[in-house]
C-alpha atoms as a PDB file:
ATOM      1  CA  MET A   1     -45.660   3.919-111.495  1.00  0.00           C
ATOM      2  CA  ASN A   2     -47.106   5.612-114.541  1.00  0.00           C
ATOM      3  CA  LEU A   3     -45.666   7.971-117.175  1.00  0.00           C
ATOM      4  CA  VAL A   4     -47.510  10.299-119.088  1.00  0.00           C
ATOM      5  CA  VAL A   5     -45.710  12.115-122.403  1.00  0.00           C
ATOM      6  CA  LYS A   6     -47.350  14.541-124.314  1.00  0.00           C
ATOM      7  CA  LYS A   7     -48.595  13.565-127.737  1.00  0.00           C
ATOM      8  CA  GLY A   8     -46.229  13.914-130.720  1.00  0.00           C
ATOM      9  CA  LEU A   9     -43.007  13.040-128.385  1.00  0.00           C
ATOM     10  CA  ASP A  10     -41.514   9.267-128.422  1.00  0.00           C
ATOM     11  CA  LYS A  11     -42.994   7.865-125.395  1.00  0.00           C
ATOM     12  CA  LYS A  12     -40.484   4.533-125.841  1.00  0.00           C
ATOM     13  CA  TYR A  13     -37.589   6.763-125.476  1.00  0.00           C
ATOM     14  CA  PHE A  14     -38.249   8.061-122.102  1.00  0.00           C
ATOM     15  CA  GLU A  15     -39.959   4.322-121.059  1.00  0.00           C
ATOM     16  CA  ASN A  16     -36.506   2.855-121.631  1.00  0.00           C
ATOM     17  CA  VAL A  17     -34.780   5.578-119.563  1.00  0.00           C
ATOM     18  CA  ILE A  18     -37.094   5.197-116.516  1.00  0.00           C
ATOM     19  CA  SER A  19     -36.814   1.349-117.115  1.00  0.00           C
ATOM     20  CA  ASN A  20     -32.835   1.955-116.490  1.00  0.00           C
ATOM     21  CA  ILE A  21     -33.133   3.604-113.964  1.00  0.00           C
ATOM     22  CA  ASN A  22     -35.671   1.647-112.410  1.00  0.00           C
ATOM     23  CA  LYS A  23     -33.470  -1.175-112.541  1.00  0.00           C
ATOM     24  CA  ARG A  24     -30.433   0.432-110.520  1.00  0.00           C
ATOM     25  CA  ILE A  25     -33.467   1.829-107.744  1.00  0.00           C
ATOM     26  CA  LYS A  26     -36.741   1.115-107.146  1.00  0.00           C
ATOM     27  CA  ILE A  27     -38.763   3.746-108.363  1.00  0.00           C
ATOM     28  CA  PRO A  28     -42.128   4.072-105.780  1.00  0.00           C
ATOM     29  CA  GLU A  29     -45.326   2.692-107.677  1.00  0.00           C
ATOM     30  CA  ASN A  30     -46.411   6.648-106.412  1.00  0.00           C
ATOM     31  CA  VAL A  31     -44.279   8.512-109.020  1.00  0.00           C
ATOM     32  CA  VAL A  32     -46.289  10.133-112.210  1.00  0.00           C
ATOM     33  CA  PHE A  33     -43.971  11.138-114.696  1.00  0.00           C
ATOM     34  CA  TYR A  34     -45.419  13.964-117.079  1.00  0.00           C
ATOM     35  CA  ILE A  35     -43.376  14.493-120.201  1.00  0.00           C
ATOM     36  CA  ILE A  36     -44.510  17.874-121.113  1.00  0.00           C
ATOM     37  CA  GLU A  37     -43.602  20.549-124.041  1.00  0.00           C
ATOM     38  CA  ASP A  38     -45.327  23.799-122.485  1.00  0.00           C
ATOM     39  CA  LYS A  39     -46.275  24.884-119.538  1.00  0.00           C
ATOM     40  CA  GLU A  40     -49.828  25.025-120.629  1.00  0.00           C
ATOM     41  CA  ASP A  41     -49.668  21.319-119.983  1.00  0.00           C
ATOM     42  CA  CYS A  42     -49.502  21.564-116.666  1.00  0.00           C
ATOM     43  CA  GLY A  43     -53.207  22.766-115.941  1.00  0.00           C
ATOM     44  CA  PRO A  44     -54.702  19.407-117.099  1.00  0.00           C
ATOM     45  CA  ILE A  45     -52.213  17.996-114.372  1.00  0.00           C
ATOM     46  CA  SER A  46     -53.548  19.984-111.681  1.00  0.00           C
ATOM     47  CA  ASN A  47     -57.383  18.674-112.085  1.00  0.00           C
ATOM     48  CA  ASN A  48     -57.209  16.534-109.392  1.00  0.00           C
ATOM     49  CA  LEU A  49     -56.024  18.742-106.994  1.00  0.00           C
ATOM     50  CA  SER A  50     -58.288  21.395-104.954  1.00  0.00           C
ATOM     51  CA  GLU A  51     -58.605  24.814-106.319  1.00  0.00           C
ATOM     52  CA  GLU A  52     -56.114  25.753-103.290  1.00  0.00           C
ATOM     53  CA  LEU A  53     -53.749  23.234-104.455  1.00  0.00           C
ATOM     54  CA  LYS A  54     -54.429  23.857-108.011  1.00  0.00           C
ATOM     55  CA  LYS A  55     -53.288  27.507-107.454  1.00  0.00           C
ATOM     56  CA  ASP A  56     -49.876  26.619-105.825  1.00  0.00           C
ATOM     57  CA  PHE A  57     -48.955  23.838-108.653  1.00  0.00           C
ATOM     58  CA  ASN A  58     -49.256  26.096-111.351  1.00  0.00           C
ATOM     59  CA  ASN A  59     -47.029  28.923-109.537  1.00  0.00           C
ATOM     60  CA  VAL A  60     -44.512  26.189-109.418  1.00  0.00           C
ATOM     61  CA  CYS A  61     -44.812  25.348-112.651  1.00  0.00           C
ATOM     62  CA  LYS A  62     -44.409  28.925-114.002  1.00  0.00           C
ATOM     63  CA  ARG A  63     -41.017  29.015-111.605  1.00  0.00           C
ATOM     64  CA  ASN A  64     -39.256  25.929-112.614  1.00  0.00           C
ATOM     65  CA  VAL A  65     -38.284  24.460-115.915  1.00  0.00           C
ATOM     66  CA  SER A  66     -38.635  20.586-114.635  1.00  0.00           C
ATOM     67  CA  PHE A  67     -39.867  19.819-111.174  1.00  0.00           C
ATOM     68  CA  SER A  68     -41.135  17.574-108.621  1.00  0.00           C
ATOM     69  CA  TYR A  69     -44.816  17.731-106.546  1.00  0.00           C
ATOM     70  CA  SER A  70     -45.830  15.932-103.798  1.00  0.00           C
ATOM     71  CA  HIS A  71     -50.002  15.423-102.777  1.00  0.00           C
ATOM     72  CA  ASN A  72     -51.238  13.478-100.856  1.00  0.00           C
ATOM     73  CA  GLU A  73     -49.394   9.798-101.639  1.00  0.00           C
ATOM     74  CA  ASP A  74     -48.762  11.008-105.156  1.00  0.00           C
ATOM     75  CA  ASN A  75     -45.365  11.835-105.987  1.00  0.00           C
ATOM     76  CA  TYR A  76     -45.807  14.024-109.309  1.00  0.00           C
ATOM     77  CA  ILE A  77     -42.037  14.189-111.630  1.00  0.00           C
ATOM     78  CA  ILE A  78     -42.626  17.277-114.346  1.00  0.00           C
ATOM     79  CA  ILE A  79     -40.015  17.300-117.501  1.00  0.00           C
ATOM     80  CA  ASP A  80     -40.137  19.932-119.802  1.00  0.00           C
ATOM     81  CA  ILE A  81     -39.332  19.441-122.966  1.00  0.00           C
ATOM     82  CA  LYS A  82     -39.587  22.595-124.199  1.00  0.00           C
ATOM     83  CA  ASN A  83     -36.761  24.588-122.523  1.00  0.00           C
ATOM     84  CA  GLU A  84     -34.725  21.609-122.080  1.00  0.00           C
ATOM     85  CA  ASN A  85     -34.903  20.097-125.332  1.00  0.00           C
ATOM     86  CA  TYR A  86     -31.131  18.701-125.211  1.00  0.00           C
ATOM     87  CA  LEU A  87     -32.684  16.024-123.130  1.00  0.00           C
ATOM     88  CA  LEU A  88     -33.955  14.180-126.407  1.00  0.00           C
ATOM     89  CA  ASP A  89     -30.806  13.483-127.241  1.00  0.00           C
ATOM     90  CA  ASP A  90     -28.683  12.398-124.295  1.00  0.00           C
ATOM     91  CA  SER A  91     -30.311   9.933-122.106  1.00  0.00           C
ATOM     92  CA  VAL A  92     -27.819   9.939-119.950  1.00  0.00           C
ATOM     93  CA  ALA A  93     -28.797  13.850-118.727  1.00  0.00           C
ATOM     94  CA  LEU A  94     -31.950  12.833-118.615  1.00  0.00           C
ATOM     95  CA  GLU A  95     -31.363  10.110-116.240  1.00  0.00           C
ATOM     96  CA  GLY A  96     -29.359  12.581-114.233  1.00  0.00           C
ATOM     97  CA  LEU A  97     -32.523  14.848-113.979  1.00  0.00           C
ATOM     98  CA  ILE A  98     -34.668  11.977-113.373  1.00  0.00           C
ATOM     99  CA  LEU A  99     -32.729  11.146-110.330  1.00  0.00           C
ATOM    100  CA  HIS A 100     -32.291  14.431-109.278  1.00  0.00           C
ATOM    101  CA  GLU A 101     -36.420  14.631-109.174  1.00  0.00           C
ATOM    102  CA  LEU A 102     -36.939  11.306-107.724  1.00  0.00           C
ATOM    103  CA  MET A 103     -34.570  12.189-104.536  1.00  0.00           C
ATOM    104  CA  HIS A 104     -36.837  15.409-104.129  1.00  0.00           C
ATOM    105  CA  SER A 105     -39.711  13.062-103.937  1.00  0.00           C
ATOM    106  CA  LYS A 106     -38.281  10.622-101.304  1.00  0.00           C
ATOM    107  CA  PHE A 107     -38.254  13.149 -99.040  1.00  0.00           C
ATOM    108  CA  SER A 108     -41.114  12.502 -96.402  1.00  0.00           C
ATOM    109  CA  HIS A 109     -44.077  15.136 -95.229  1.00  0.00           C
ATOM    110  CA  ASP A 110     -41.864  15.153 -92.065  1.00  0.00           C
ATOM    111  CA  PHE A 111     -39.238  15.964 -93.860  1.00  0.00           C
ATOM    112  CA  ASN A 112     -40.220  19.777 -95.467  1.00  0.00           C
ATOM    113  CA  LYS A 113     -42.472  20.276 -92.664  1.00  0.00           C
ATOM    114  CA  LYS A 114     -39.578  20.391 -90.606  1.00  0.00           C
ATOM    115  CA  ILE A 115     -38.013  22.612 -92.875  1.00  0.00           C
ATOM    116  CA  ASN A 116     -41.157  25.000 -93.007  1.00  0.00           C
ATOM    117  CA  LEU A 117     -41.524  25.466 -89.376  1.00  0.00           C
ATOM    118  CA  ASP A 118     -37.482  25.655 -88.977  1.00  0.00           C
ATOM    119  CA  LEU A 119     -37.541  28.223 -91.316  1.00  0.00           C
ATOM    120  CA  LYS A 120     -40.398  30.211 -89.676  1.00  0.00           C
ATOM    121  CA  LYS A 121     -38.820  29.928 -86.559  1.00  0.00           C
ATOM    122  CA  VAL A 122     -35.686  31.890 -88.144  1.00  0.00           C
ATOM    123  CA  LEU A 123     -37.953  34.480 -89.431  1.00  0.00           C
ATOM    124  CA  PHE A 124     -39.788  35.082 -86.201  1.00  0.00           C
ATOM    125  CA  GLU A 125     -36.397  35.683 -84.217  1.00  0.00           C
ATOM    126  CA  ASN A 126     -34.717  37.598 -86.646  1.00  0.00           C
ATOM    127  CA  ILE A 127     -36.765  40.036 -88.672  1.00  0.00           C
ATOM    128  CA  ASN A 128     -38.385  41.807 -85.097  1.00  0.00           C
ATOM    129  CA  LYS A 129     -34.878  42.777 -84.274  1.00  0.00           C
ATOM    130  CA  LEU A 130     -34.923  44.717 -87.246  1.00  0.00           C
ATOM    131  CA  ASN A 131     -35.881  48.077 -88.543  1.00  0.00           C
ATOM    132  CA  ILE A 132     -36.679  47.092 -92.120  1.00  0.00           C
ATOM    133  CA  HIS A 133     -38.021  49.127 -94.703  1.00  0.00           C
ATOM    134  CA  LYS A 134     -41.174  47.108 -96.119  1.00  0.00           C
ATOM    135  CA  ASP A 135     -39.900  46.827 -99.671  1.00  0.00           C
ATOM    136  CA  ASP A 136     -36.515  45.242 -98.028  1.00  0.00           C
ATOM    137  CA  PHE A 137     -38.944  42.705 -95.624  1.00  0.00           C
ATOM    138  CA  GLU A 138     -40.688  41.613 -98.596  1.00  0.00           C
ATOM    139  CA  ILE A 139     -37.565  40.604-100.699  1.00  0.00           C
ATOM    140  CA  ILE A 140     -36.005  39.388 -97.464  1.00  0.00           C
ATOM    141  CA  ILE A 141     -39.123  36.768 -97.287  1.00  0.00           C
ATOM    142  CA  ARG A 142     -39.003  36.222-100.529  1.00  0.00           C
ATOM    143  CA  MET A 143     -35.143  35.275-100.518  1.00  0.00           C
ATOM    144  CA  MET A 144     -36.109  33.168 -97.526  1.00  0.00           C
ATOM    145  CA  ASN A 145     -38.363  30.965 -99.180  1.00  0.00           C
ATOM    146  CA  TYR A 146     -36.335  30.724-102.171  1.00  0.00           C
ATOM    147  CA  SER A 147     -33.654  29.548 -99.520  1.00  0.00           C
ATOM    148  CA  LYS A 148     -35.645  26.133 -98.999  1.00  0.00           C
ATOM    149  CA  LEU A 149     -35.258  25.578-102.598  1.00  0.00           C
ATOM    150  CA  LEU A 150     -31.293  25.772-102.117  1.00  0.00           C
ATOM    151  CA  LEU A 151     -31.890  23.408 -98.669  1.00  0.00           C
ATOM    152  CA  LYS A 152     -33.891  21.079-100.407  1.00  0.00           C
ATOM    153  CA  GLU A 153     -31.299  20.999-103.488  1.00  0.00           C
ATOM    154  CA  LEU A 154     -28.213  20.632-101.218  1.00  0.00           C
ATOM    155  CA  TYR A 155     -30.162  17.558 -99.674  1.00  0.00           C
ATOM    156  CA  ALA A 156     -30.973  16.249-102.827  1.00  0.00           C
ATOM    157  CA  ASN A 157     -27.914  16.213-104.464  1.00  0.00           C
ATOM    158  CA  GLU A 158     -26.166  14.929-101.627  1.00  0.00           C
ATOM    159  CA  LEU A 159     -28.462  11.588-101.352  1.00  0.00           C
ATOM    160  CA  LEU A 160     -27.615  11.686-105.624  1.00  0.00           C
ATOM    161  CA  VAL A 161     -23.983  11.785-104.977  1.00  0.00           C
ATOM    162  CA  LYS A 162     -23.953   9.011-102.000  1.00  0.00           C
ATOM    163  CA  LYS A 163     -25.708   6.567-104.004  1.00  0.00           C
ATOM    164  CA  LYS A 164     -23.076   6.779-106.653  1.00  0.00           C
ATOM    165  CA  PHE A 165     -25.197   8.856-109.246  1.00  0.00           C
ATOM    166  CA  SER A 166     -23.158  12.054-109.107  1.00  0.00           C
ATOM    167  CA  ASP A 167     -21.668  11.479-113.066  1.00  0.00           C
ATOM    168  CA  LYS A 168     -25.115  11.378-114.507  1.00  0.00           C
ATOM    169  CA  LEU A 169     -25.582  14.258-112.404  1.00  0.00           C
ATOM    170  CA  ILE A 170     -22.986  16.183-113.866  1.00  0.00           C
ATOM    171  CA  THR A 171     -23.409  15.298-117.669  1.00  0.00           C
ATOM    172  CA  TYR A 172     -27.207  16.784-116.725  1.00  0.00           C
ATOM    173  CA  TYR A 173     -25.576  19.998-115.770  1.00  0.00           C
ATOM    174  CA  LEU A 174     -23.006  19.855-118.235  1.00  0.00           C
ATOM    175  CA  LYS A 175     -26.015  20.035-120.898  1.00  0.00           C
ATOM    176  CA  GLN A 176     -27.621  22.673-118.077  1.00  0.00           C
ATOM    177  CA  PHE A 177     -25.429  25.066-118.193  1.00  0.00           C
ATOM    178  CA  SER A 178     -23.854  24.356-122.110  1.00  0.00           C
ATOM    179  CA  LYS A 179     -25.280  27.739-123.184  1.00  0.00           C
ATOM    180  CA  LYS A 180     -23.268  31.123-123.119  1.00  0.00           C
ATOM    181  CA  VAL A 181     -25.654  33.642-120.363  1.00  0.00           C
ATOM    182  CA  ASN A 182     -24.036  37.100-120.400  1.00  0.00           C
ATOM    183  CA  SER A 183     -24.579  37.167-116.851  1.00  0.00           C
ATOM    184  CA  ALA A 184     -22.518  40.883-116.949  1.00  0.00           C
ATOM    185  CA  VAL A 185     -26.229  42.255-117.226  1.00  0.00           C
ATOM    186  CA  LEU A 186     -27.720  41.011-114.479  1.00  0.00           C
ATOM    187  CA  PHE A 187     -24.639  42.078-112.366  1.00  0.00           C
ATOM    188  CA  LYS A 188     -24.796  45.390-114.017  1.00  0.00           C
ATOM    189  CA  LYS A 189     -28.705  46.271-113.892  1.00  0.00           C
ATOM    190  CA  GLY A 190     -30.298  43.419-111.993  1.00  0.00           C
ATOM    191  CA  SER A 191     -32.888  43.814-108.757  1.00  0.00           C
ATOM    192  CA  LYS A 192     -30.210  42.475-105.589  1.00  0.00           C
ATOM    193  CA  GLU A 193     -33.096  40.262-105.387  1.00  0.00           C
ATOM    194  CA  ASN A 194     -32.225  38.425-109.015  1.00  0.00           C
ATOM    195  CA  ILE A 195     -28.236  38.529-108.591  1.00  0.00           C
ATOM    196  CA  LEU A 196     -28.861  36.481-104.959  1.00  0.00           C
ATOM    197  CA  LYS A 197     -31.321  34.313-106.373  1.00  0.00           C
ATOM    198  CA  PHE A 198     -28.571  33.267-109.279  1.00  0.00           C
ATOM    199  CA  GLU A 199     -25.700  33.388-106.490  1.00  0.00           C
ATOM    200  CA  LEU A 200     -27.737  30.745-104.463  1.00  0.00           C
ATOM    201  CA  SER A 201     -28.731  28.394-107.954  1.00  0.00           C
ATOM    202  CA  LEU A 202     -25.328  28.108-108.833  1.00  0.00           C
ATOM    203  CA  LEU A 203     -23.690  26.910-105.752  1.00  0.00           C
ATOM    204  CA  SER A 204     -26.580  24.721-104.962  1.00  0.00           C
ATOM    205  CA  VAL A 205     -25.155  23.180-108.264  1.00  0.00           C
ATOM    206  CA  VAL A 206     -21.779  23.002-107.492  1.00  0.00           C
ATOM    207  CA  TRP A 207     -21.136  22.423-103.513  1.00  0.00           C
ATOM    208  CA  SER A 208     -22.561  19.303-102.853  1.00  0.00           C
ATOM    209  CA  LEU A 209     -20.441  17.964-106.136  1.00  0.00           C
ATOM    210  CA  GLU A 210     -17.125  19.928-104.830  1.00  0.00           C
ATOM    211  CA  LYS A 211     -17.359  18.609-101.266  1.00  0.00           C
ATOM    212  CA  PHE A 212     -16.938  14.772-102.505  1.00  0.00           C
ATOM    213  CA  LYS A 213     -14.859  15.143-104.821  1.00  0.00           C
ATOM    214  CA  THR A 214     -16.623  14.036-107.829  1.00  0.00           C
ATOM    215  CA  ASN A 215     -14.920  12.839-110.942  1.00  0.00           C
ATOM    216  CA  ASN A 216     -15.392  16.097-113.602  1.00  0.00           C
ATOM    217  CA  PHE A 217     -16.490  18.419-110.896  1.00  0.00           C
ATOM    218  CA  ASP A 218     -13.932  20.298-112.759  1.00  0.00           C
ATOM    219  CA  ILE A 219     -14.856  20.509-115.705  1.00  0.00           C
ATOM    220  CA  LEU A 220     -18.210  21.164-114.735  1.00  0.00           C
ATOM    221  CA  LYS A 221     -17.135  24.277-112.486  1.00  0.00           C
ATOM    222  CA  ASN A 222     -14.713  25.646-115.828  1.00  0.00           C
ATOM    223  CA  THR A 223     -17.775  25.055-117.930  1.00  0.00           C
ATOM    224  CA  ILE A 224     -19.829  27.275-116.162  1.00  0.00           C
ATOM    225  CA  GLU A 225     -17.298  29.877-115.394  1.00  0.00           C
ATOM    226  CA  LYS A 226     -16.866  30.069-119.218  1.00  0.00           C
ATOM    227  CA  ASN A 227     -20.504  30.290-120.507  1.00  0.00           C
ATOM    228  CA  TYR A 228     -21.157  32.410-117.459  1.00  0.00           C
ATOM    229  CA  SER A 229     -18.703  34.566-117.341  1.00  0.00           C
ATOM    230  CA  ILE A 230     -18.006  34.432-113.714  1.00  0.00           C
ATOM    231  CA  LYS A 231     -15.798  33.037-111.650  1.00  0.00           C
ATOM    232  CA  LEU A 232     -17.590  30.976-108.426  1.00  0.00           C
ATOM    233  CA  LYS A 233     -14.851  31.959-106.043  1.00  0.00           C
ATOM    234  CA  GLU A 234     -16.126  35.578-106.139  1.00  0.00           C
ATOM    235  CA  THR A 235     -19.306  34.136-106.413  1.00  0.00           C
ATOM    236  CA  GLU A 236     -18.977  32.726-103.255  1.00  0.00           C
ATOM    237  CA  ARG A 237     -17.100  34.935-101.264  1.00  0.00           C
ATOM    238  CA  SER A 238     -20.455  36.175 -99.786  1.00  0.00           C
ATOM    239  CA  PHE A 239     -21.485  32.713 -98.804  1.00  0.00           C
ATOM    240  CA  ASN A 240     -18.153  31.808 -97.922  1.00  0.00           C
ATOM    241  CA  LYS A 241     -19.964  30.886 -93.862  1.00  0.00           C
ATOM    242  CA  LEU A 242     -22.920  29.036 -95.635  1.00  0.00           C
ATOM    243  CA  LYS A 243     -20.294  27.149 -97.535  1.00  0.00           C
ATOM    244  CA  LYS A 244     -18.342  25.819 -94.525  1.00  0.00           C
ATOM    245  CA  LEU A 245     -21.397  25.035 -92.436  1.00  0.00           C
ATOM    246  CA  TYR A 246     -22.580  22.910 -95.235  1.00  0.00           C
ATOM    247  CA  PHE A 247     -18.956  20.952 -95.351  1.00  0.00           C
ATOM    248  CA  LYS A 248     -18.411  20.574 -91.862  1.00  0.00           C
ATOM    249  CA  ASN A 249     -22.174  20.678 -90.303  1.00  0.00           C
ATOM    250  CA  PHE A 250     -25.049  19.396 -92.719  1.00  0.00           C
ATOM    251  CA  ARG A 251     -25.257  16.096 -90.502  1.00  0.00           C
ATOM    252  CA  ASN A 252     -26.022  18.595 -87.138  1.00  0.00           C
ATOM    253  CA  LYS A 253     -29.592  18.134 -86.152  1.00  0.00           C
ATOM    254  CA  ASP A 254     -29.951  22.322 -86.359  1.00  0.00           C
ATOM    255  CA  PHE A 255     -28.100  21.829 -89.600  1.00  0.00           C
ATOM    256  CA  ASN A 256     -31.648  23.839 -90.753  1.00  0.00           C
ATOM    257  CA  ILE A 257     -31.658  26.254 -88.410  1.00  0.00           C
ATOM    258  CA  LEU A 258     -27.968  27.359 -88.922  1.00  0.00           C
ATOM    259  CA  PHE A 259     -28.661  27.408 -92.352  1.00  0.00           C
ATOM    260  CA  PHE A 260     -31.384  29.718 -92.691  1.00  0.00           C
ATOM    261  CA  GLU A 261     -29.732  32.136 -89.790  1.00  0.00           C
ATOM    262  CA  GLU A 262     -26.613  32.171 -92.382  1.00  0.00           C
ATOM    263  CA  VAL A 263     -28.856  33.175 -95.211  1.00  0.00           C
ATOM    264  CA  PHE A 264     -30.872  35.548 -93.366  1.00  0.00           C
ATOM    265  CA  ASN A 265     -27.624  37.216 -92.630  1.00  0.00           C
ATOM    266  CA  VAL A 266     -26.031  37.372 -96.491  1.00  0.00           C
ATOM    267  CA  ILE A 267     -29.599  38.963 -97.555  1.00  0.00           C
ATOM    268  CA  ASN A 268     -29.522  41.622 -94.655  1.00  0.00           C
ATOM    269  CA  LYS A 269     -26.796  42.762 -95.183  1.00  0.00           C
ATOM    270  CA  ARG A 270     -26.682  42.770 -99.193  1.00  0.00           C
ATOM    271  CA  LEU A 271     -30.084  44.855 -98.621  1.00  0.00           C
END
């Protein structure tokens, strides 16, 4: 395990947080934490990667706030303080984020490979059945790839809740959703693709916590609804079958396939 902190930040603070986590769950030796302040800081981190992987890593860095990335035997966890500066004042929220990313880093190469293969299978079996306009085809491909993130979020959060860390996860999410966002503009003027991404992102946060009836879930739900001016029941309306599938069939060996098939159906109906 290693920690690299951007110059000017309090390294001791991050060391203490990671040390507290390590007392509860053993952090693997192959995990490297990078605390950055700007997306440009991702450049030096990717120097040890091949040109192809470097491009992939930097693309991931542009898309995400904080994220985990695996390469060979190394697991990188990138915490972007610039976009989540509340983490500098709330060590419990920081623990929640790091624990969440550690759950992602536990996923094996075979686990990720299976998800990719299941997605390809669903796309192959369904997309040729439809007479899809080229623009819609590209949206479907992008959205189905995006749905992989939702699926992995569900796996990561479920694992975290079962390990009794839901309190730290909720503390992090309460901070993340503490700012008011005018989502009405998105629903009035945003593209169908961006609206779907927004909805899927929210559901990836709440479902695992709701499923296990975690403490303070109602507080988180109310915080999201208040600050985003939405009702989660309305947001979930298009995804009711997907929610039931997750709540009842998550441990089914065919869950990934069933999940991607239902996401495909939702996207196709909404385009």
